[in-house]
């Protein structure tokens, strides 16, 4: 019973993390005048919360994979 729940939670967290990161990066690009440097956008501190959500999703997915 734990496997489907972990799968759904990990997929939901991954989708939320990717979508949230996309919206956050768009806001960062809009706030920077001119042509922004991609290194600055990816390393912006506002993105790290989304990186953490994606990382948690990947860890849950890996844990689920070990139990199958």
PDB file of N, CA and C in Angstrom:
ATOM      1  N   UNK A   1       0.826  -1.209   0.000  1.00  0.00           N
ATOM      2  CA  UNK A   1       0.000   0.000   0.000  1.00  0.00           C
ATOM      3  C   UNK A   1       0.861   1.260   0.000  1.00  0.00           C
ATOM      4  N   UNK A   2       2.074   1.158   0.522  1.00  0.00           N
ATOM      5  CA  UNK A   2       2.942   2.326   0.610  1.00  0.00           C
ATOM      6  C   UNK A   2       3.482   2.742  -0.751  1.00  0.00           C
ATOM      7  N   UNK A   3       3.659   1.808  -1.653  1.00  0.00           N
ATOM      8  CA  UNK A   3       4.272   2.114  -2.938  1.00  0.00           C
ATOM      9  C   UNK A   3       3.452   3.077  -3.789  1.00  0.00           C
ATOM     10  N   UNK A   4       2.135   2.868  -3.954  1.00  0.00           N
ATOM     11  CA  UNK A   4       1.391   3.849  -4.765  1.00  0.00           C
ATOM     12  C   UNK A   4       1.356   5.242  -4.137  1.00  0.00           C
ATOM     13  N   UNK A   5       1.309   5.292  -2.813  1.00  0.00           N
ATOM     14  CA  UNK A   5       1.263   6.591  -2.141  1.00  0.00           C
ATOM     15  C   UNK A   5       2.580   7.327  -2.350  1.00  0.00           C
ATOM     16  N   UNK A   6       3.711   6.626  -2.165  1.00  0.00           N
ATOM     17  CA  UNK A   6       5.004   7.270  -2.383  1.00  0.00           C
ATOM     18  C   UNK A   6       5.175   7.703  -3.834  1.00  0.00           C
ATOM     19  N   UNK A   7       4.692   6.896  -4.751  1.00  0.00           N
ATOM     20  CA  UNK A   7       4.786   7.263  -6.168  1.00  0.00           C
ATOM     21  C   UNK A   7       4.003   8.532  -6.457  1.00  0.00           C
ATOM     22  N   UNK A   8       2.778   8.601  -5.975  1.00  0.00           N
ATOM     23  CA  UNK A   8       1.949   9.782  -6.220  1.00  0.00           C
ATOM     24  C   UNK A   8       2.523  11.023  -5.552  1.00  0.00           C
ATOM     25  N   UNK A   9       2.997  10.866  -4.332  1.00  0.00           N
ATOM     26  CA  UNK A   9       3.576  12.014  -3.626  1.00  0.00           C
ATOM     27  C   UNK A   9       4.833  12.503  -4.341  1.00  0.00           C
ATOM     28  N   UNK A  10       5.679  11.576  -4.776  1.00  0.00           N
ATOM     29  CA  UNK A  10       6.905  12.008  -5.442  1.00  0.00           C
ATOM     30  C   UNK A  10       6.610  12.677  -6.784  1.00  0.00           C
ATOM     31  N   UNK A  11       5.654  12.149  -7.536  1.00  0.00           N
ATOM     32  CA  UNK A  11       5.295  12.775  -8.814  1.00  0.00           C
ATOM     33  C   UNK A  11       4.672  14.147  -8.575  1.00  0.00           C
ATOM     34  N   UNK A  12       3.805  14.247  -7.568  1.00  0.00           N
ATOM     35  CA  UNK A  12       3.170  15.539  -7.273  1.00  0.00           C
ATOM     36  C   UNK A  12       4.215  16.576  -6.857  1.00  0.00           C
ATOM     37  N   UNK A  13       5.147  16.181  -5.985  1.00  0.00           N
ATOM     38  CA  UNK A  13       6.186  17.121  -5.570  1.00  0.00           C
ATOM     39  C   UNK A  13       7.083  17.525  -6.738  1.00  0.00           C
ATOM     40  N   UNK A  14       7.380  16.578  -7.607  1.00  0.00           N
ATOM     41  CA  UNK A  14       8.227  16.883  -8.766  1.00  0.00           C
ATOM     42  C   UNK A  14       7.536  17.880  -9.694  1.00  0.00           C
ATOM     43  N   UNK A  15       6.262  17.652  -9.974  1.00  0.00           N
ATOM     44  CA  UNK A  15       5.522  18.557 -10.866  1.00  0.00           C
ATOM     45  C   UNK A  15       5.395  19.939 -10.236  1.00  0.00           C
ATOM     46  N   UNK A  16       5.091  19.975  -8.942  1.00  0.00           N
ATOM     47  CA  UNK A  16       4.978  21.266  -8.246  1.00  0.00           C
ATOM     48  C   UNK A  16       6.324  21.994  -8.267  1.00  0.00           C
ATOM     49  N   UNK A  17       7.412  21.255  -8.040  1.00  0.00           N
ATOM     50  CA  UNK A  17       8.740  21.866  -8.030  1.00  0.00           C
ATOM     51  C   UNK A  17       9.143  22.409  -9.390  1.00  0.00           C
ATOM     52  N   UNK A  18       8.892  21.640 -10.443  1.00  0.00           N
ATOM     53  CA  UNK A  18       9.250  22.093 -11.795  1.00  0.00           C
ATOM     54  C   UNK A  18       8.410  23.308 -12.202  1.00  0.00           C
ATOM     55  N   UNK A  19       7.108  23.254 -11.946  1.00  0.00           N
ATOM     56  CA  UNK A  19       6.236  24.381 -12.308  1.00  0.00           C
ATOM     57  C   UNK A  19       6.591  25.625 -11.490  1.00  0.00           C
ATOM     58  N   UNK A  20       6.786  25.441 -10.193  1.00  0.00           N
ATOM     59  CA  UNK A  20       7.144  26.577  -9.342  1.00  0.00           C
ATOM     60  C   UNK A  20       8.461  27.196  -9.741  1.00  0.00           C
ATOM     61  N   UNK A  21       9.434  26.347 -10.078  1.00  0.00           N
ATOM     62  CA  UNK A  21      10.729  26.853 -10.512  1.00  0.00           C
ATOM     63  C   UNK A  21      10.599  27.627 -11.819  1.00  0.00           C
ATOM     64  N   UNK A  22       9.773  27.139 -12.724  1.00  0.00           N
ATOM     65  CA  UNK A  22       9.567  27.848 -13.985  1.00  0.00           C
ATOM     66  C   UNK A  22       8.968  29.226 -13.781  1.00  0.00           C
ATOM     67  N   UNK A  23       7.948  29.316 -12.930  1.00  0.00           N
ATOM     68  CA  UNK A  23       7.332  30.616 -12.658  1.00  0.00           C
ATOM     69  C   UNK A  23       8.306  31.553 -11.939  1.00  0.00           C
ATOM     70  N   UNK A  24       9.082  30.984 -11.006  1.00  0.00           N
ATOM     71  CA  UNK A  24      10.054  31.801 -10.270  1.00  0.00           C
ATOM     72  C   UNK A  24      11.132  32.332 -11.208  1.00  0.00           C
ATOM     73  N   UNK A  25      11.606  31.494 -12.124  1.00  0.00           N
ATOM     74  CA  UNK A  25      12.625  31.945 -13.074  1.00  0.00           C
ATOM     75  C   UNK A  25      12.075  33.026 -14.005  1.00  0.00           C
ATOM     76  N   UNK A  26      10.828  32.897 -14.365  1.00  0.00           N
ATOM     77  CA  UNK A  26      10.202  33.933 -15.200  1.00  0.00           C
ATOM     78  C   UNK A  26      10.171  35.263 -14.454  1.00  0.00           C
ATOM     79  N   UNK A  27       9.802  35.224 -13.164  1.00  0.00           N
ATOM     80  CA  UNK A  27       9.781  36.454 -12.364  1.00  0.00           C
ATOM     81  C   UNK A  27      11.179  37.041 -12.229  1.00  0.00           C
ATOM     82  N   UNK A  28      12.178  36.192 -12.077  1.00  0.00           N
ATOM     83  CA  UNK A  28      13.554  36.679 -11.964  1.00  0.00           C
ATOM     84  C   UNK A  28      13.988  37.328 -13.267  1.00  0.00           C
ATOM     85  N   UNK A  29      13.679  36.697 -14.407  1.00  0.00           N
ATOM     86  CA  UNK A  29      14.054  37.275 -15.704  1.00  0.00           C
ATOM     87  C   UNK A  29      13.370  38.607 -15.933  1.00  0.00           C
ATOM     88  N   UNK A  30      12.114  38.734 -15.505  1.00  0.00           N
ATOM     89  CA  UNK A  30      11.385  40.000 -15.691  1.00  0.00           C
ATOM     90  C   UNK A  30      11.966  41.107 -14.811  1.00  0.00           C
ATOM     91  N   UNK A  31      12.527  40.729 -13.653  1.00  0.00           N
ATOM     92  CA  UNK A  31      13.056  41.730 -12.726  1.00  0.00           C
ATOM     93  C   UNK A  31      14.430  42.239 -13.148  1.00  0.00           C
ATOM     94  N   UNK A  32      15.166  41.462 -13.958  1.00  0.00           N
ATOM     95  CA  UNK A  32      16.509  41.866 -14.381  1.00  0.00           C
ATOM     96  C   UNK A  32      16.400  42.632 -15.700  1.00  0.00           C
ATOM     97  N   UNK A  33      16.846  43.886 -15.734  1.00  0.00           N
ATOM     98  CA  UNK A  33      16.782  44.641 -16.993  1.00  0.00           C
ATOM     99  C   UNK A  33      17.831  44.151 -17.981  1.00  0.00           C
ATOM    100  N   UNK A  34      17.517  44.234 -19.230  1.00  0.00           N
ATOM    101  CA  UNK A  34      18.454  43.830 -20.280  1.00  0.00           C
ATOM    102  C   UNK A  34      18.475  42.324 -20.469  1.00  0.00           C
ATOM    103  N   UNK A  35      19.586  41.829 -20.965  1.00  0.00           N
ATOM    104  CA  UNK A  35      19.761  40.392 -21.225  1.00  0.00           C
ATOM    105  C   UNK A  35      20.376  39.744 -19.985  1.00  0.00           C
ATOM    106  N   UNK A  36      19.605  38.938 -19.235  1.00  0.00           N
ATOM    107  CA  UNK A  36      20.136  38.343 -17.999  1.00  0.00           C
ATOM    108  C   UNK A  36      21.113  37.205 -18.292  1.00  0.00           C
ATOM    109  N   UNK A  37      22.052  37.027 -17.391  1.00  0.00           N
ATOM    110  CA  UNK A  37      23.027  35.941 -17.475  1.00  0.00           C
ATOM    111  C   UNK A  37      22.368  34.662 -16.919  1.00  0.00           C
ATOM    112  N   UNK A  38      22.365  33.551 -17.663  1.00  0.00           N
ATOM    113  CA  UNK A  38      21.721  32.325 -17.171  1.00  0.00           C
ATOM    114  C   UNK A  38      22.297  31.819 -15.853  1.00  0.00           C
ATOM    115  N   UNK A  39      23.597  32.061 -15.615  1.00  0.00           N
ATOM    116  CA  UNK A  39      24.192  31.629 -14.350  1.00  0.00           C
ATOM    117  C   UNK A  39      23.542  32.356 -13.173  1.00  0.00           C
ATOM    118  N   UNK A  40      23.214  33.618 -13.367  1.00  0.00           N
ATOM    119  CA  UNK A  40      22.588  34.383 -12.299  1.00  0.00           C
ATOM    120  C   UNK A  40      21.162  33.900 -12.033  1.00  0.00           C
ATOM    121  N   UNK A  41      20.474  33.478 -13.075  1.00  0.00           N
ATOM    122  CA  UNK A  41      19.090  33.039 -12.907  1.00  0.00           C
ATOM    123  C   UNK A  41      19.044  31.699 -12.172  1.00  0.00           C
ATOM    124  N   UNK A  42      19.891  30.749 -12.574  1.00  0.00           N
ATOM    125  CA  UNK A  42      19.877  29.437 -11.939  1.00  0.00           C
ATOM    126  C   UNK A  42      20.401  29.475 -10.514  1.00  0.00           C
ATOM    127  N   UNK A  43      21.321  30.365 -10.214  1.00  0.00           N
ATOM    128  CA  UNK A  43      21.924  30.431  -8.887  1.00  0.00           C
ATOM    129  C   UNK A  43      21.219  31.419  -7.968  1.00  0.00           C
ATOM    130  N   UNK A  44      20.117  31.977  -8.396  1.00  0.00           N
ATOM    131  CA  UNK A  44      19.386  32.932  -7.558  1.00  0.00           C
ATOM    132  C   UNK A  44      18.842  32.211  -6.323  1.00  0.00           C
ATOM    133  N   UNK A  45      18.903  32.882  -5.181  1.00  0.00           N
ATOM    134  CA  UNK A  45      18.505  32.221  -3.929  1.00  0.00           C
ATOM    135  C   UNK A  45      17.013  31.901  -3.871  1.00  0.00           C
ATOM    136  N   UNK A  46      16.199  32.564  -4.688  1.00  0.00           N
ATOM    137  CA  UNK A  46      14.763  32.252  -4.701  1.00  0.00           C
ATOM    138  C   UNK A  46      14.468  30.898  -5.327  1.00  0.00           C
ATOM    139  N   UNK A  47      15.406  30.357  -6.105  1.00  0.00           N
ATOM    140  CA  UNK A  47      15.213  29.056  -6.750  1.00  0.00           C
ATOM    141  C   UNK A  47      15.509  27.883  -5.826  1.00  0.00           C
ATOM    142  N   UNK A  48      16.268  28.091  -4.759  1.00  0.00           N
ATOM    143  CA  UNK A  48      16.706  26.966  -3.951  1.00  0.00           C
ATOM    144  C   UNK A  48      15.565  26.237  -3.256  1.00  0.00           C
ATOM    145  N   UNK A  49      14.467  26.937  -2.926  1.00  0.00           N
ATOM    146  CA  UNK A  49      13.326  26.235  -2.328  1.00  0.00           C
ATOM    147  C   UNK A  49      12.714  25.253  -3.328  1.00  0.00           C
ATOM    148  N   UNK A  50      12.714  25.638  -4.602  1.00  0.00           N
ATOM    149  CA  UNK A  50      12.171  24.732  -5.627  1.00  0.00           C
ATOM    150  C   UNK A  50      13.134  23.586  -5.896  1.00  0.00           C
ATOM    151  N   UNK A  51      14.435  23.863  -5.829  1.00  0.00           N
ATOM    152  CA  UNK A  51      15.409  22.790  -5.968  1.00  0.00           C
ATOM    153  C   UNK A  51      15.255  21.786  -4.829  1.00  0.00           C
ATOM    154  N   UNK A  52      14.953  22.273  -3.629  1.00  0.00           N
ATOM    155  CA  UNK A  52      14.751  21.381  -2.487  1.00  0.00           C
ATOM    156  C   UNK A  52      13.519  20.503  -2.690  1.00  0.00           C
ATOM    157  N   UNK A  53      12.430  21.074  -3.198  1.00  0.00           N
ATOM    158  CA  UNK A  53      11.210  20.295  -3.443  1.00  0.00           C
ATOM    159  C   UNK A  53      11.482  19.218  -4.499  1.00  0.00           C
ATOM    160  N   UNK A  54      12.198  19.568  -5.556  1.00  0.00           N
ATOM    161  CA  UNK A  54      12.539  18.595  -6.591  1.00  0.00           C
ATOM    162  C   UNK A  54      13.450  17.512  -6.012  1.00  0.00           C
ATOM    163  N   UNK A  55      14.397  17.897  -5.188  1.00  0.00           N
ATOM    164  CA  UNK A  55      15.300  16.931  -4.555  1.00  0.00           C
ATOM    165  C   UNK A  55      14.560  15.965  -3.643  1.00  0.00           C
ATOM    166  N   UNK A  56      13.608  16.465  -2.860  1.00  0.00           N
ATOM    167  CA  UNK A  56      12.806  15.594  -1.993  1.00  0.00           C
ATOM    168  C   UNK A  56      12.001  14.615  -2.834  1.00  0.00           C
ATOM    169  N   UNK A  57      11.459  15.084  -3.941  1.00  0.00           N
ATOM    170  CA  UNK A  57      10.689  14.196  -4.823  1.00  0.00           C
ATOM    171  C   UNK A  57      11.578  13.094  -5.372  1.00  0.00           C
ATOM    172  N   UNK A  58      12.792  13.426  -5.770  1.00  0.00           N
ATOM    173  CA  UNK A  58      13.701  12.420  -6.309  1.00  0.00           C
ATOM    174  C   UNK A  58      14.124  11.415  -5.239  1.00  0.00           C
ATOM    175  N   UNK A  59      14.329  11.883  -4.008  1.00  0.00           N
ATOM    176  CA  UNK A  59      14.679  10.972  -2.912  1.00  0.00           C
ATOM    177  C   UNK A  59      13.521  10.025  -2.624  1.00  0.00           C
ATOM    178  N   UNK A  60      12.293  10.542  -2.581  1.00  0.00           N
ATOM    179  CA  UNK A  60      11.130   9.675  -2.363  1.00  0.00           C
ATOM    180  C   UNK A  60      10.978   8.658  -3.488  1.00  0.00           C
ATOM    181  N   UNK A  61      11.244   9.084  -4.715  1.00  0.00           N
ATOM    182  CA  UNK A  61      11.165   8.177  -5.851  1.00  0.00           C
ATOM    183  C   UNK A  61      12.211   7.064  -5.733  1.00  0.00           C
ATOM    184  N   UNK A  62      13.426   7.431  -5.296  1.00  0.00           N
ATOM    185  CA  UNK A  62      14.488   6.436  -5.120  1.00  0.00           C
ATOM    186  C   UNK A  62      14.151   5.467  -3.982  1.00  0.00           C
ATOM    187  N   UNK A  63      13.603   5.982  -2.884  1.00  0.00           N
ATOM    188  CA  UNK A  63      13.191   5.129  -1.776  1.00  0.00           C
ATOM    189  C   UNK A  63      12.107   4.162  -2.240  1.00  0.00           C
ATOM    190  N   UNK A  64      11.168   4.660  -2.998  1.00  0.00           N
ATOM    191  CA  UNK A  64      10.093   3.812  -3.515  1.00  0.00           C
ATOM    192  C   UNK A  64      10.659   2.741  -4.442  1.00  0.00           C
ATOM    193  N   UNK A  65      11.671   3.074  -5.215  1.00  0.00           N
ATOM    194  CA  UNK A  65      12.269   2.121  -6.134  1.00  0.00           C
ATOM    195  C   UNK A  65      13.002   0.992  -5.425  1.00  0.00           C
ATOM    196  N   UNK A  66      13.514   1.250  -4.235  1.00  0.00           N
ATOM    197  CA  UNK A  66      14.216   0.199  -3.514  1.00  0.00           C
ATOM    198  C   UNK A  66      13.255  -0.813  -2.908  1.00  0.00           C
ATOM    199  N   UNK A  67      12.013  -0.427  -2.682  1.00  0.00           N
ATOM    200  CA  UNK A  67      11.038  -1.322  -2.063  1.00  0.00           C
ATOM    201  C   UNK A  67      10.255  -2.146  -3.071  1.00  0.00           C
ATOM    202  N   UNK A  68      10.459  -1.913  -4.354  1.00  0.00           N
ATOM    203  CA  UNK A  68       9.695  -2.691  -5.339  1.00  0.00           C
ATOM    204  C   UNK A  68      10.476  -3.895  -5.804  1.00  0.00           C
TER     205      UNK A  68
END
